[in-house]
PDB file of N, CA and C in Angstrom:
ATOM      1  N   UNK A   1     -17.100 -16.603 -12.491  1.00  0.00           N
ATOM      2  CA  UNK A   1     -15.919 -17.292 -12.206  1.00  0.00           C
ATOM      3  C   UNK A   1     -15.761 -17.475 -10.815  1.00  0.00           C
ATOM      4  N   UNK A   2     -16.763 -16.982  -9.773  1.00  0.00           N
ATOM      5  CA  UNK A   2     -16.516 -16.953  -8.603  1.00  0.00           C
ATOM      6  C   UNK A   2     -16.556 -18.434  -8.431  1.00  0.00           C
ATOM      7  N   UNK A   3     -17.170 -19.203  -8.840  1.00  0.00           N
ATOM      8  CA  UNK A   3     -17.265 -20.630  -8.586  1.00  0.00           C
ATOM      9  C   UNK A   3     -15.938 -21.412  -8.459  1.00  0.00           C
ATOM     10  N   UNK A   4     -15.030 -20.890  -9.301  1.00  0.00           N
ATOM     11  CA  UNK A   4     -13.683 -21.620  -9.229  1.00  0.00           C
ATOM     12  C   UNK A   4     -13.201 -21.340  -7.885  1.00  0.00           C
ATOM     13  N   UNK A   5     -13.648 -20.490  -6.937  1.00  0.00           N
ATOM     14  CA  UNK A   5     -12.842 -20.229  -5.598  1.00  0.00           C
ATOM     15  C   UNK A   5     -13.516 -20.968  -4.587  1.00  0.00           C
ATOM     16  N   UNK A   6     -14.302 -21.720  -4.528  1.00  0.00           N
ATOM     17  CA  UNK A   6     -15.401 -22.426  -3.809  1.00  0.00           C
ATOM     18  C   UNK A   6     -14.600 -23.745  -3.494  1.00  0.00           C
ATOM     19  N   UNK A   7     -14.488 -24.189  -2.401  1.00  0.00           N
ATOM     20  CA  UNK A   7     -13.627 -25.198  -1.847  1.00  0.00           C
ATOM     21  C   UNK A   7     -14.707 -26.375  -2.111  1.00  0.00           C
ATOM     22  N   UNK A   8     -14.009 -27.443  -2.880  1.00  0.00           N
ATOM     23  CA  UNK A   8     -14.748 -28.816  -3.588  1.00  0.00           C
ATOM     24  C   UNK A   8     -14.370 -29.666  -2.301  1.00  0.00           C
ATOM     25  N   UNK A   9     -15.349 -30.268  -1.915  1.00  0.00           N
ATOM     26  CA  UNK A   9     -14.786 -31.521  -1.253  1.00  0.00           C
ATOM     27  C   UNK A   9     -14.886 -32.818  -2.151  1.00  0.00           C
ATOM     28  N   UNK A  10     -14.076 -33.509  -1.804  1.00  0.00           N
ATOM     29  CA  UNK A  10     -13.801 -34.680  -2.775  1.00  0.00           C
ATOM     30  C   UNK A  10     -14.265 -35.898  -1.778  1.00  0.00           C
ATOM     31  N   UNK A  11     -15.224 -36.377  -1.894  1.00  0.00           N
ATOM     32  CA  UNK A  11     -15.695 -37.681  -0.889  1.00  0.00           C
ATOM     33  C   UNK A  11     -15.057 -39.041  -1.363  1.00  0.00           C
ATOM     34  N   UNK A  12     -15.050 -39.225  -2.663  1.00  0.00           N
ATOM     35  CA  UNK A  12     -14.790 -40.582  -2.911  1.00  0.00           C
ATOM     36  C   UNK A  12     -12.845 -40.517  -3.364  1.00  0.00           C
ATOM     37  N   UNK A  13     -12.338 -41.275  -2.546  1.00  0.00           N
ATOM     38  CA  UNK A  13     -10.807 -41.350  -2.846  1.00  0.00           C
ATOM     39  C   UNK A  13     -10.334 -41.371  -4.052  1.00  0.00           C
ATOM     40  N   UNK A  14     -11.125 -42.547  -4.476  1.00  0.00           N
ATOM     41  CA  UNK A  14     -10.494 -42.957  -6.101  1.00  0.00           C
ATOM     42  C   UNK A  14     -10.889 -41.943  -7.292  1.00  0.00           C
ATOM     43  N   UNK A  15     -11.644 -41.112  -6.687  1.00  0.00           N
ATOM     44  CA  UNK A  15     -12.015 -39.949  -7.554  1.00  0.00           C
ATOM     45  C   UNK A  15     -11.247 -38.943  -7.535  1.00  0.00           C
ATOM     46  N   UNK A  16     -10.811 -38.540  -6.107  1.00  0.00           N
ATOM     47  CA  UNK A  16      -9.527 -37.501  -6.097  1.00  0.00           C
ATOM     48  C   UNK A  16      -8.364 -37.783  -6.937  1.00  0.00           C
ATOM     49  N   UNK A  17      -7.846 -39.381  -6.833  1.00  0.00           N
ATOM     50  CA  UNK A  17      -6.581 -39.776  -7.767  1.00  0.00           C
ATOM     51  C   UNK A  17      -6.849 -39.722  -9.045  1.00  0.00           C
ATOM     52  N   UNK A  18      -8.070 -40.046  -9.461  1.00  0.00           N
ATOM     53  CA  UNK A  18      -8.348 -39.784 -10.776  1.00  0.00           C
ATOM     54  C   UNK A  18      -8.021 -38.243 -11.389  1.00  0.00           C
ATOM     55  N   UNK A  19      -8.658 -37.491 -10.679  1.00  0.00           N
ATOM     56  CA  UNK A  19      -8.717 -36.364 -10.986  1.00  0.00           C
ATOM     57  C   UNK A  19      -7.343 -35.324 -10.778  1.00  0.00           C
ATOM     58  N   UNK A  20      -6.598 -36.069  -9.924  1.00  0.00           N
ATOM     59  CA  UNK A  20      -5.485 -35.427  -9.307  1.00  0.00           C
ATOM     60  C   UNK A  20      -5.373 -34.342  -8.459  1.00  0.00           C
ATOM     61  N   UNK A  21      -6.366 -34.117  -7.367  1.00  0.00           N
ATOM     62  CA  UNK A  21      -6.397 -33.207  -6.432  1.00  0.00           C
ATOM     63  C   UNK A  21      -7.662 -33.137  -5.636  1.00  0.00           C
ATOM     64  N   UNK A  22      -7.610 -32.285  -4.853  1.00  0.00           N
ATOM     65  CA  UNK A  22      -8.604 -32.374  -3.579  1.00  0.00           C
ATOM     66  C   UNK A  22      -9.605 -31.157  -4.147  1.00  0.00           C
ATOM     67  N   UNK A  23      -9.390 -30.192  -4.776  1.00  0.00           N
ATOM     68  CA  UNK A  23     -10.267 -29.150  -4.942  1.00  0.00           C
ATOM     69  C   UNK A  23      -9.952 -27.727  -4.036  1.00  0.00           C
ATOM     70  N   UNK A  24      -8.981 -27.901  -3.418  1.00  0.00           N
ATOM     71  CA  UNK A  24      -8.630 -26.831  -2.456  1.00  0.00           C
ATOM     72  C   UNK A  24      -7.596 -25.782  -2.837  1.00  0.00           C
ATOM     73  N   UNK A  25      -6.997 -26.164  -3.995  1.00  0.00           N
ATOM     74  CA  UNK A  25      -5.803 -25.131  -4.700  1.00  0.00           C
ATOM     75  C   UNK A  25      -6.323 -23.789  -4.841  1.00  0.00           C
ATOM     76  N   UNK A  26      -7.660 -23.426  -5.835  1.00  0.00           N
ATOM     77  CA  UNK A  26      -7.483 -22.030  -6.054  1.00  0.00           C
ATOM     78  C   UNK A  26      -8.120 -21.352  -4.839  1.00  0.00           C
ATOM     79  N   UNK A  27      -9.119 -22.266  -3.917  1.00  0.00           N
ATOM     80  CA  UNK A  27      -9.506 -21.488  -2.449  1.00  0.00           C
ATOM     81  C   UNK A  27      -8.293 -21.008  -1.656  1.00  0.00           C
ATOM     82  N   UNK A  28      -7.324 -21.575  -1.588  1.00  0.00           N
ATOM     83  CA  UNK A  28      -5.892 -21.589  -0.799  1.00  0.00           C
ATOM     84  C   UNK A  28      -5.660 -20.310  -1.240  1.00  0.00           C
ATOM     85  N   UNK A  29      -5.296 -20.125  -2.470  1.00  0.00           N
ATOM     86  CA  UNK A  29      -4.741 -19.115  -3.430  1.00  0.00           C
ATOM     87  C   UNK A  29      -5.427 -17.794  -3.242  1.00  0.00           C
ATOM     88  N   UNK A  30      -6.832 -17.892  -3.366  1.00  0.00           N
ATOM     89  CA  UNK A  30      -7.519 -16.702  -3.247  1.00  0.00           C
ATOM     90  C   UNK A  30      -7.835 -16.001  -1.769  1.00  0.00           C
ATOM     91  N   UNK A  31      -7.554 -17.057  -0.566  1.00  0.00           N
ATOM     92  CA  UNK A  31      -7.243 -16.457   0.429  1.00  0.00           C
ATOM     93  C   UNK A  31      -5.794 -16.062   0.768  1.00  0.00           C
ATOM     94  N   UNK A  32      -4.662 -16.592   0.212  1.00  0.00           N
ATOM     95  CA  UNK A  32      -3.467 -15.910   0.211  1.00  0.00           C
ATOM     96  C   UNK A  32      -3.814 -14.593  -0.188  1.00  0.00           C
ATOM     97  N   UNK A  33      -4.227 -14.329  -1.300  1.00  0.00           N
ATOM     98  CA  UNK A  33      -4.442 -12.936  -2.157  1.00  0.00           C
ATOM     99  C   UNK A  33      -4.856 -12.038  -1.771  1.00  0.00           C
ATOM    100  N   UNK A  34      -6.107 -12.497  -0.812  1.00  0.00           N
ATOM    101  CA  UNK A  34      -6.819 -11.472   0.094  1.00  0.00           C
ATOM    102  C   UNK A  34      -6.244 -10.912   1.016  1.00  0.00           C
ATOM    103  N   UNK A  35      -5.191 -11.765   1.857  1.00  0.00           N
ATOM    104  CA  UNK A  35      -4.566 -11.252   3.030  1.00  0.00           C
ATOM    105  C   UNK A  35      -3.441 -10.479   2.767  1.00  0.00           C
ATOM    106  N   UNK A  36      -2.716 -10.465   1.307  1.00  0.00           N
ATOM    107  CA  UNK A  36      -1.822  -9.726   0.717  1.00  0.00           C
ATOM    108  C   UNK A  36      -2.494  -8.569   0.342  1.00  0.00           C
ATOM    109  N   UNK A  37      -3.748  -8.103   0.088  1.00  0.00           N
ATOM    110  CA  UNK A  37      -4.264  -6.923  -0.555  1.00  0.00           C
ATOM    111  C   UNK A  37      -3.865  -7.248  -2.390  1.00  0.00           C
ATOM    112  N   UNK A  38      -3.946  -8.388  -2.488  1.00  0.00           N
ATOM    113  CA  UNK A  38      -3.492  -8.779  -4.228  1.00  0.00           C
ATOM    114  C   UNK A  38      -5.090  -8.943  -4.643  1.00  0.00           C
ATOM    115  N   UNK A  39      -4.889  -9.577  -6.152  1.00  0.00           N
ATOM    116  CA  UNK A  39      -5.788 -10.198  -6.883  1.00  0.00           C
ATOM    117  C   UNK A  39      -5.353 -11.012  -7.836  1.00  0.00           C
ATOM    118  N   UNK A  40      -6.220 -11.880  -8.490  1.00  0.00           N
ATOM    119  CA  UNK A  40      -5.906 -12.661  -9.374  1.00  0.00           C
ATOM    120  C   UNK A  40      -6.505 -12.213 -10.642  1.00  0.00           C
ATOM    121  N   UNK A  41      -5.693 -12.264 -12.000  1.00  0.00           N
ATOM    122  CA  UNK A  41      -6.136 -12.056 -13.348  1.00  0.00           C
ATOM    123  C   UNK A  41      -6.579 -13.544 -13.759  1.00  0.00           C
ATOM    124  N   UNK A  42      -7.642 -13.624 -14.524  1.00  0.00           N
ATOM    125  CA  UNK A  42      -7.962 -15.349 -14.840  1.00  0.00           C
ATOM    126  C   UNK A  42      -8.154 -14.755 -16.419  1.00  0.00           C
ATOM    127  N   UNK A  43      -7.390 -15.696 -17.599  1.00  0.00           N
ATOM    128  CA  UNK A  43      -8.132 -15.626 -18.775  1.00  0.00           C
ATOM    129  C   UNK A  43      -8.004 -16.931 -19.136  1.00  0.00           C
ATOM    130  N   UNK A  44      -9.002 -17.215 -20.215  1.00  0.00           N
ATOM    131  CA  UNK A  44      -9.156 -18.825 -20.441  1.00  0.00           C
ATOM    132  C   UNK A  44      -9.622 -18.949 -21.776  1.00  0.00           C
ATOM    133  N   UNK A  45      -9.375 -19.794 -22.658  1.00  0.00           N
ATOM    134  CA  UNK A  45      -9.784 -20.414 -23.890  1.00  0.00           C
ATOM    135  C   UNK A  45     -10.171 -21.604 -23.639  1.00  0.00           C
ATOM    136  N   UNK A  46     -11.273 -22.131 -23.674  1.00  0.00           N
ATOM    137  CA  UNK A  46     -11.948 -23.130 -23.098  1.00  0.00           C
ATOM    138  C   UNK A  46     -11.383 -24.418 -23.974  1.00  0.00           C
ATOM    139  N   UNK A  47     -10.946 -25.625 -23.562  1.00  0.00           N
ATOM    140  CA  UNK A  47     -10.691 -26.547 -24.283  1.00  0.00           C
ATOM    141  C   UNK A  47      -9.132 -26.155 -24.791  1.00  0.00           C
ATOM    142  N   UNK A  48      -8.416 -25.012 -24.400  1.00  0.00           N
ATOM    143  CA  UNK A  48      -7.201 -24.904 -25.011  1.00  0.00           C
ATOM    144  C   UNK A  48      -6.265 -24.698 -23.885  1.00  0.00           C
ATOM    145  N   UNK A  49      -6.252 -23.650 -22.964  1.00  0.00           N
ATOM    146  CA  UNK A  49      -5.605 -23.163 -21.794  1.00  0.00           C
ATOM    147  C   UNK A  49      -6.282 -22.006 -20.834  1.00  0.00           C
ATOM    148  N   UNK A  50      -5.926 -22.266 -19.766  1.00  0.00           N
ATOM    149  CA  UNK A  50      -6.464 -20.895 -18.605  1.00  0.00           C
ATOM    150  C   UNK A  50      -5.037 -20.553 -17.879  1.00  0.00           C
ATOM    151  N   UNK A  51      -4.981 -19.063 -18.055  1.00  0.00           N
ATOM    152  CA  UNK A  51      -3.914 -18.634 -16.936  1.00  0.00           C
ATOM    153  C   UNK A  51      -4.250 -17.997 -16.124  1.00  0.00           C
ATOM    154  N   UNK A  52      -3.646 -18.123 -14.942  1.00  0.00           N
ATOM    155  CA  UNK A  52      -3.763 -17.343 -13.868  1.00  0.00           C
ATOM    156  C   UNK A  52      -2.717 -16.305 -13.336  1.00  0.00           C
ATOM    157  N   UNK A  53      -2.814 -15.226 -13.152  1.00  0.00           N
ATOM    158  CA  UNK A  53      -1.777 -14.287 -13.036  1.00  0.00           C
ATOM    159  C   UNK A  53      -1.931 -13.822 -11.356  1.00  0.00           C
ATOM    160  N   UNK A  54      -1.095 -13.937 -10.679  1.00  0.00           N
ATOM    161  CA  UNK A  54      -1.380 -13.270  -9.048  1.00  0.00           C
ATOM    162  C   UNK A  54      -0.265 -11.924  -9.360  1.00  0.00           C
ATOM    163  N   UNK A  55      -1.332 -10.830  -8.780  1.00  0.00           N
ATOM    164  CA  UNK A  55      -0.913  -9.436  -8.760  1.00  0.00           C
ATOM    165  C   UNK A  55      -0.797  -8.896  -7.416  1.00  0.00           C
ATOM    166  N   UNK A  56       0.609  -8.513  -6.774  1.00  0.00           N
ATOM    167  CA  UNK A  56       0.690  -8.113  -5.577  1.00  0.00           C
ATOM    168  C   UNK A  56       0.829  -6.605  -5.468  1.00  0.00           C
ATOM    169  N   UNK A  57       0.174  -5.946  -4.714  1.00  0.00           N
ATOM    170  CA  UNK A  57       0.849  -4.381  -4.420  1.00  0.00           C
ATOM    171  C   UNK A  57       2.252  -4.350  -4.640  1.00  0.00           C
ATOM    172  N   UNK A  58       2.751  -3.421  -4.967  1.00  0.00           N
ATOM    173  CA  UNK A  58       4.360  -3.181  -4.728  1.00  0.00           C
ATOM    174  C   UNK A  58       4.727  -2.775  -3.472  1.00  0.00           C
ATOM    175  N   UNK A  59       4.472  -2.530  -2.444  1.00  0.00           N
ATOM    176  CA  UNK A  59       4.471  -2.450  -1.272  1.00  0.00           C
ATOM    177  C   UNK A  59       4.485  -3.638  -0.327  1.00  0.00           C
ATOM    178  N   UNK A  60       3.948  -4.876  -1.084  1.00  0.00           N
ATOM    179  CA  UNK A  60       3.875  -6.186  -0.479  1.00  0.00           C
ATOM    180  C   UNK A  60       5.100  -7.251  -1.089  1.00  0.00           C
ATOM    181  N   UNK A  61       5.904  -6.522  -1.897  1.00  0.00           N
ATOM    182  CA  UNK A  61       6.745  -7.121  -2.904  1.00  0.00           C
ATOM    183  C   UNK A  61       7.926  -6.971  -1.888  1.00  0.00           C
ATOM    184  N   UNK A  62       8.899  -7.832  -1.398  1.00  0.00           N
ATOM    185  CA  UNK A  62      10.283  -7.305  -0.832  1.00  0.00           C
ATOM    186  C   UNK A  62      11.324  -7.299  -2.156  1.00  0.00           C
ATOM    187  N   UNK A  63      12.436  -6.560  -1.558  1.00  0.00           N
ATOM    188  CA  UNK A  63      13.416  -6.098  -2.701  1.00  0.00           C
ATOM    189  C   UNK A  63      14.499  -7.060  -2.203  1.00  0.00           C
TER     190      UNK A  63
END
């Protein structure tokens, strides 16, 4: 699953529009989570759904 977090560069603008993104989303999320000492839980059912859960340490959550 490590490959999910690698930046994907889309060189073909038409392809970027076709798939609906640039391939940066999960990489950005990974960096944000690391800077806040958090982590992601990932569960997937192929061809059905994938669920991402962002977990932050309690001391990082404001009241």
